[in-house]
Amino acid sequence: MKITLIPPADKELHEAIDYYNDQLAGLGDQFFNSFLDTVGYISQTPEVWKKIGPNTRRINIKRFPYLILHVFDNQDIFITCIAHQHRNPTFYLERAD
């Protein structure tokens, strides 16, 4: 199964890692490891997470106030958004199809 971060999501991931590393050395690495764990859950069961659009699902990242939006298309998973949960939801709902 192939997992792809589309360009906005890739940028959001790096911004979150940088933010947490600025707050405390190593915290960004912890965020990234939690992100990878969450992506692992998605790859194991891509269709069980909360549906927020016709093809888009959402999952929360443990320990951090972030969520991941993803689309499962046959054997591929596309991560469309990595968003802070306290942001205005329209920020990420625009990417839900």
N, C-alpha and C. Protein backbone atom coordinates (compact mmCIF):
# COMPACT_ATOMS: atom_id res chain seq x y z
N MET A 1 0.85 -1.17 0.00
CA MET A 1 0.00 0.00 0.00
C MET A 1 0.90 1.24 0.00
N LYS A 2 0.60 2.15 -0.88
CA LYS A 2 1.37 3.38 -1.00
C LYS A 2 0.67 4.50 -0.24
N ILE A 3 1.45 5.25 0.55
CA ILE A 3 0.92 6.39 1.29
C ILE A 3 1.62 7.64 0.77
N THR A 4 0.81 8.62 0.37
CA THR A 4 1.35 9.85 -0.21
C THR A 4 0.82 11.05 0.57
N LEU A 5 1.73 11.95 0.94
CA LEU A 5 1.33 13.24 1.51
C LEU A 5 1.27 14.23 0.35
N ILE A 6 0.10 14.79 0.13
CA ILE A 6 0.03 15.79 -0.93
C ILE A 6 0.76 17.04 -0.43
N PRO A 7 1.23 17.89 -1.35
CA PRO A 7 2.09 19.01 -0.95
C PRO A 7 1.60 19.88 0.22
N PRO A 8 0.35 20.28 0.32
CA PRO A 8 0.00 21.08 1.50
C PRO A 8 0.18 20.30 2.80
N ALA A 9 -0.14 19.03 2.81
CA ALA A 9 0.00 18.22 4.03
C ALA A 9 1.47 18.05 4.40
N ASP A 10 2.32 17.87 3.41
CA ASP A 10 3.75 17.73 3.65
C ASP A 10 4.28 19.00 4.33
N LYS A 11 3.87 20.15 3.84
CA LYS A 11 4.29 21.43 4.43
C LYS A 11 3.77 21.56 5.86
N GLU A 12 2.52 21.18 6.09
CA GLU A 12 1.93 21.26 7.42
C GLU A 12 2.67 20.37 8.41
N LEU A 13 3.08 19.19 7.96
CA LEU A 13 3.84 18.28 8.82
C LEU A 13 5.15 18.93 9.25
N HIS A 14 5.88 19.46 8.30
CA HIS A 14 7.17 20.08 8.61
C HIS A 14 7.02 21.32 9.50
N GLU A 15 5.96 22.09 9.28
CA GLU A 15 5.71 23.26 10.12
C GLU A 15 5.42 22.84 11.56
N ALA A 16 4.65 21.77 11.74
CA ALA A 16 4.33 21.30 13.09
C ALA A 16 5.59 20.77 13.79
N ILE A 17 6.40 20.02 13.07
CA ILE A 17 7.65 19.50 13.65
C ILE A 17 8.55 20.66 14.06
N ASP A 18 8.70 21.65 13.19
CA ASP A 18 9.54 22.81 13.51
C ASP A 18 8.99 23.57 14.72
N TYR A 19 7.67 23.74 14.76
CA TYR A 19 7.05 24.44 15.88
C TYR A 19 7.37 23.73 17.20
N TYR A 20 7.16 22.42 17.24
CA TYR A 20 7.39 21.69 18.48
C TYR A 20 8.87 21.65 18.85
N ASN A 21 9.77 21.57 17.88
CA ASN A 21 11.20 21.61 18.18
C ASN A 21 11.61 22.98 18.72
N ASP A 22 10.93 24.05 18.27
CA ASP A 22 11.20 25.38 18.81
C ASP A 22 10.74 25.50 20.26
N GLN A 23 9.68 24.77 20.62
CA GLN A 23 9.15 24.82 21.97
C GLN A 23 10.05 24.07 22.96
N LEU A 24 10.55 22.91 22.51
CA LEU A 24 11.37 22.06 23.38
C LEU A 24 12.18 21.11 22.50
N ALA A 25 13.46 21.07 22.71
CA ALA A 25 14.32 20.19 21.91
C ALA A 25 13.82 18.75 21.98
N GLY A 26 13.63 18.15 20.81
CA GLY A 26 13.18 16.76 20.73
C GLY A 26 11.68 16.58 20.68
N LEU A 27 10.92 17.62 21.01
CA LEU A 27 9.47 17.48 21.00
C LEU A 27 8.95 17.31 19.57
N GLY A 28 9.57 17.94 18.61
CA GLY A 28 9.19 17.76 17.22
C GLY A 28 9.40 16.32 16.77
N ASP A 29 10.48 15.70 17.26
CA ASP A 29 10.71 14.29 16.94
C ASP A 29 9.63 13.40 17.55
N GLN A 30 9.19 13.75 18.75
CA GLN A 30 8.11 13.00 19.37
C GLN A 30 6.81 13.16 18.58
N PHE A 31 6.57 14.38 18.11
CA PHE A 31 5.39 14.61 17.27
C PHE A 31 5.48 13.76 16.00
N PHE A 32 6.64 13.76 15.35
CA PHE A 32 6.82 12.98 14.13
C PHE A 32 6.60 11.49 14.38
N ASN A 33 7.11 10.98 15.50
CA ASN A 33 6.89 9.56 15.82
C ASN A 33 5.41 9.27 16.06
N SER A 34 4.70 10.18 16.71
CA SER A 34 3.25 10.00 16.89
C SER A 34 2.53 10.05 15.55
N PHE A 35 2.99 10.93 14.67
CA PHE A 35 2.44 11.01 13.32
C PHE A 35 2.64 9.67 12.60
N LEU A 36 3.86 9.12 12.66
CA LEU A 36 4.14 7.84 12.00
C LEU A 36 3.29 6.71 12.58
N ASP A 37 3.11 6.70 13.90
CA ASP A 37 2.23 5.69 14.52
C ASP A 37 0.82 5.80 13.97
N THR A 38 0.33 7.03 13.85
CA THR A 38 -1.02 7.27 13.35
C THR A 38 -1.15 6.83 11.90
N VAL A 39 -0.15 7.12 11.09
CA VAL A 39 -0.16 6.67 9.70
C VAL A 39 -0.16 5.15 9.65
N GLY A 40 0.52 4.52 10.58
CA GLY A 40 0.48 3.05 10.67
C GLY A 40 -0.92 2.53 10.93
N TYR A 41 -1.66 3.21 11.82
CA TYR A 41 -3.06 2.82 12.07
C TYR A 41 -3.90 2.98 10.81
N ILE A 42 -3.67 4.08 10.10
CA ILE A 42 -4.41 4.33 8.86
C ILE A 42 -4.12 3.21 7.85
N SER A 43 -2.86 2.84 7.71
CA SER A 43 -2.51 1.83 6.70
C SER A 43 -3.08 0.45 7.04
N GLN A 44 -3.25 0.17 8.33
CA GLN A 44 -3.81 -1.12 8.73
C GLN A 44 -5.31 -1.19 8.46
N THR A 45 -6.01 -0.10 8.72
CA THR A 45 -7.47 -0.08 8.57
C THR A 45 -7.91 1.28 8.01
N PRO A 46 -7.65 1.55 6.75
CA PRO A 46 -7.91 2.89 6.21
C PRO A 46 -9.37 3.30 6.16
N GLU A 47 -10.28 2.34 6.20
CA GLU A 47 -11.69 2.69 6.02
C GLU A 47 -12.51 2.72 7.30
N VAL A 48 -11.86 2.61 8.46
CA VAL A 48 -12.65 2.59 9.70
C VAL A 48 -12.71 3.92 10.42
N TRP A 49 -11.95 4.90 10.00
CA TRP A 49 -11.89 6.16 10.72
C TRP A 49 -13.07 7.05 10.36
N LYS A 50 -13.33 8.04 11.19
CA LYS A 50 -14.51 8.89 11.04
C LYS A 50 -14.56 9.55 9.67
N LYS A 51 -15.68 9.38 9.00
CA LYS A 51 -15.90 9.96 7.68
C LYS A 51 -16.35 11.41 7.84
N ILE A 52 -15.67 12.32 7.12
CA ILE A 52 -16.07 13.74 7.19
C ILE A 52 -16.41 14.29 5.81
N GLY A 53 -16.36 13.45 4.81
CA GLY A 53 -16.70 13.80 3.43
C GLY A 53 -16.98 12.51 2.69
N PRO A 54 -17.41 12.58 1.45
CA PRO A 54 -17.72 11.37 0.70
C PRO A 54 -16.56 10.37 0.65
N ASN A 55 -15.33 10.86 0.56
CA ASN A 55 -14.17 9.98 0.46
C ASN A 55 -13.11 10.26 1.52
N THR A 56 -13.33 11.26 2.36
CA THR A 56 -12.30 11.70 3.31
C THR A 56 -12.62 11.21 4.71
N ARG A 57 -11.57 10.75 5.38
CA ARG A 57 -11.69 10.30 6.76
C ARG A 57 -10.70 11.06 7.63
N ARG A 58 -10.96 11.04 8.91
CA ARG A 58 -10.16 11.81 9.86
C ARG A 58 -9.73 10.92 11.02
N ILE A 59 -8.51 11.17 11.51
CA ILE A 59 -8.00 10.47 12.69
C ILE A 59 -7.17 11.47 13.49
N ASN A 60 -7.24 11.38 14.79
CA ASN A 60 -6.46 12.26 15.67
C ASN A 60 -5.08 11.66 15.91
N ILE A 61 -4.09 12.52 16.06
CA ILE A 61 -2.74 12.09 16.42
C ILE A 61 -2.66 12.06 17.94
N LYS A 62 -2.24 10.94 18.49
CA LYS A 62 -2.15 10.80 19.95
C LYS A 62 -1.15 11.78 20.53
N ARG A 63 -1.48 12.29 21.73
CA ARG A 63 -0.65 13.20 22.53
C ARG A 63 -0.58 14.62 22.00
N PHE A 64 -0.99 14.85 20.78
CA PHE A 64 -0.87 16.18 20.18
C PHE A 64 -2.23 16.60 19.63
N PRO A 65 -2.53 17.90 19.66
CA PRO A 65 -3.85 18.36 19.19
C PRO A 65 -3.92 18.52 17.67
N TYR A 66 -3.52 17.49 16.97
CA TYR A 66 -3.53 17.49 15.51
C TYR A 66 -4.37 16.35 14.99
N LEU A 67 -4.87 16.53 13.77
CA LEU A 67 -5.61 15.48 13.10
C LEU A 67 -5.04 15.29 11.70
N ILE A 68 -5.33 14.14 11.15
CA ILE A 68 -4.91 13.81 9.79
C ILE A 68 -6.16 13.50 8.99
N LEU A 69 -6.28 14.12 7.82
CA LEU A 69 -7.33 13.77 6.87
C LEU A 69 -6.70 12.89 5.80
N HIS A 70 -7.41 11.84 5.44
CA HIS A 70 -6.88 10.96 4.40
C HIS A 70 -7.99 10.43 3.51
N VAL A 71 -7.59 10.05 2.31
CA VAL A 71 -8.49 9.46 1.33
C VAL A 71 -7.89 8.11 0.95
N PHE A 72 -8.72 7.07 0.96
CA PHE A 72 -8.29 5.74 0.56
C PHE A 72 -8.84 5.48 -0.84
N ASP A 73 -7.94 5.18 -1.77
CA ASP A 73 -8.32 4.96 -3.16
C ASP A 73 -7.72 3.63 -3.61
N ASN A 74 -8.52 2.59 -3.60
CA ASN A 74 -8.07 1.23 -3.92
C ASN A 74 -6.95 0.82 -2.98
N GLN A 75 -5.71 0.82 -3.43
CA GLN A 75 -4.59 0.43 -2.57
C GLN A 75 -3.75 1.61 -2.11
N ASP A 76 -4.14 2.82 -2.46
CA ASP A 76 -3.35 3.99 -2.12
C ASP A 76 -4.06 4.85 -1.08
N ILE A 77 -3.26 5.45 -0.21
CA ILE A 77 -3.77 6.37 0.79
C ILE A 77 -3.14 7.72 0.53
N PHE A 78 -3.98 8.75 0.46
CA PHE A 78 -3.50 10.10 0.25
C PHE A 78 -3.80 10.92 1.50
N ILE A 79 -2.75 11.43 2.13
CA ILE A 79 -2.93 12.31 3.28
C ILE A 79 -3.09 13.71 2.73
N THR A 80 -4.27 14.28 2.96
CA THR A 80 -4.60 15.56 2.35
C THR A 80 -4.40 16.75 3.29
N CYS A 81 -4.34 16.48 4.60
CA CYS A 81 -4.24 17.59 5.54
C CYS A 81 -3.72 17.10 6.89
N ILE A 82 -2.89 17.93 7.51
CA ILE A 82 -2.46 17.72 8.89
C ILE A 82 -2.77 19.05 9.59
N ALA A 83 -3.77 19.05 10.43
CA ALA A 83 -4.26 20.32 10.98
C ALA A 83 -4.33 20.30 12.50
N HIS A 84 -4.05 21.45 13.09
CA HIS A 84 -4.23 21.64 14.52
C HIS A 84 -5.74 21.65 14.78
N GLN A 85 -6.18 20.95 15.80
CA GLN A 85 -7.61 20.81 16.05
C GLN A 85 -8.27 22.08 16.58
N HIS A 86 -7.48 23.05 17.01
CA HIS A 86 -8.06 24.28 17.53
C HIS A 86 -8.16 25.36 16.46
N ARG A 87 -7.77 25.02 15.24
CA ARG A 87 -7.94 25.95 14.13
C ARG A 87 -9.39 25.95 13.70
N ASN A 88 -9.74 26.97 12.98
CA ASN A 88 -11.07 27.03 12.40
C ASN A 88 -11.26 25.79 11.51
N PRO A 89 -12.29 24.98 11.72
CA PRO A 89 -12.47 23.76 10.95
C PRO A 89 -12.58 23.98 9.44
N THR A 90 -12.96 25.18 9.03
CA THR A 90 -13.04 25.39 7.58
C THR A 90 -11.67 25.28 6.94
N PHE A 91 -10.60 25.47 7.73
CA PHE A 91 -9.25 25.32 7.21
C PHE A 91 -9.05 23.95 6.58
N TYR A 92 -9.48 22.92 7.29
CA TYR A 92 -9.25 21.57 6.77
C TYR A 92 -10.47 20.97 6.08
N LEU A 93 -11.66 21.43 6.40
CA LEU A 93 -12.84 20.87 5.76
C LEU A 93 -12.90 21.21 4.26
N GLU A 94 -12.20 22.26 3.86
CA GLU A 94 -12.14 22.59 2.44
C GLU A 94 -11.46 21.50 1.65
N ARG A 95 -10.63 20.68 2.30
CA ARG A 95 -9.93 19.60 1.60
C ARG A 95 -10.65 18.26 1.73
N ALA A 96 -11.80 18.25 2.35
CA ALA A 96 -12.58 17.02 2.45
C ALA A 96 -13.50 16.94 1.24
N ASP A 97 -13.44 15.82 0.55
CA ASP A 97 -14.34 15.67 -0.60
C ASP A 97 -15.46 14.71 -0.29
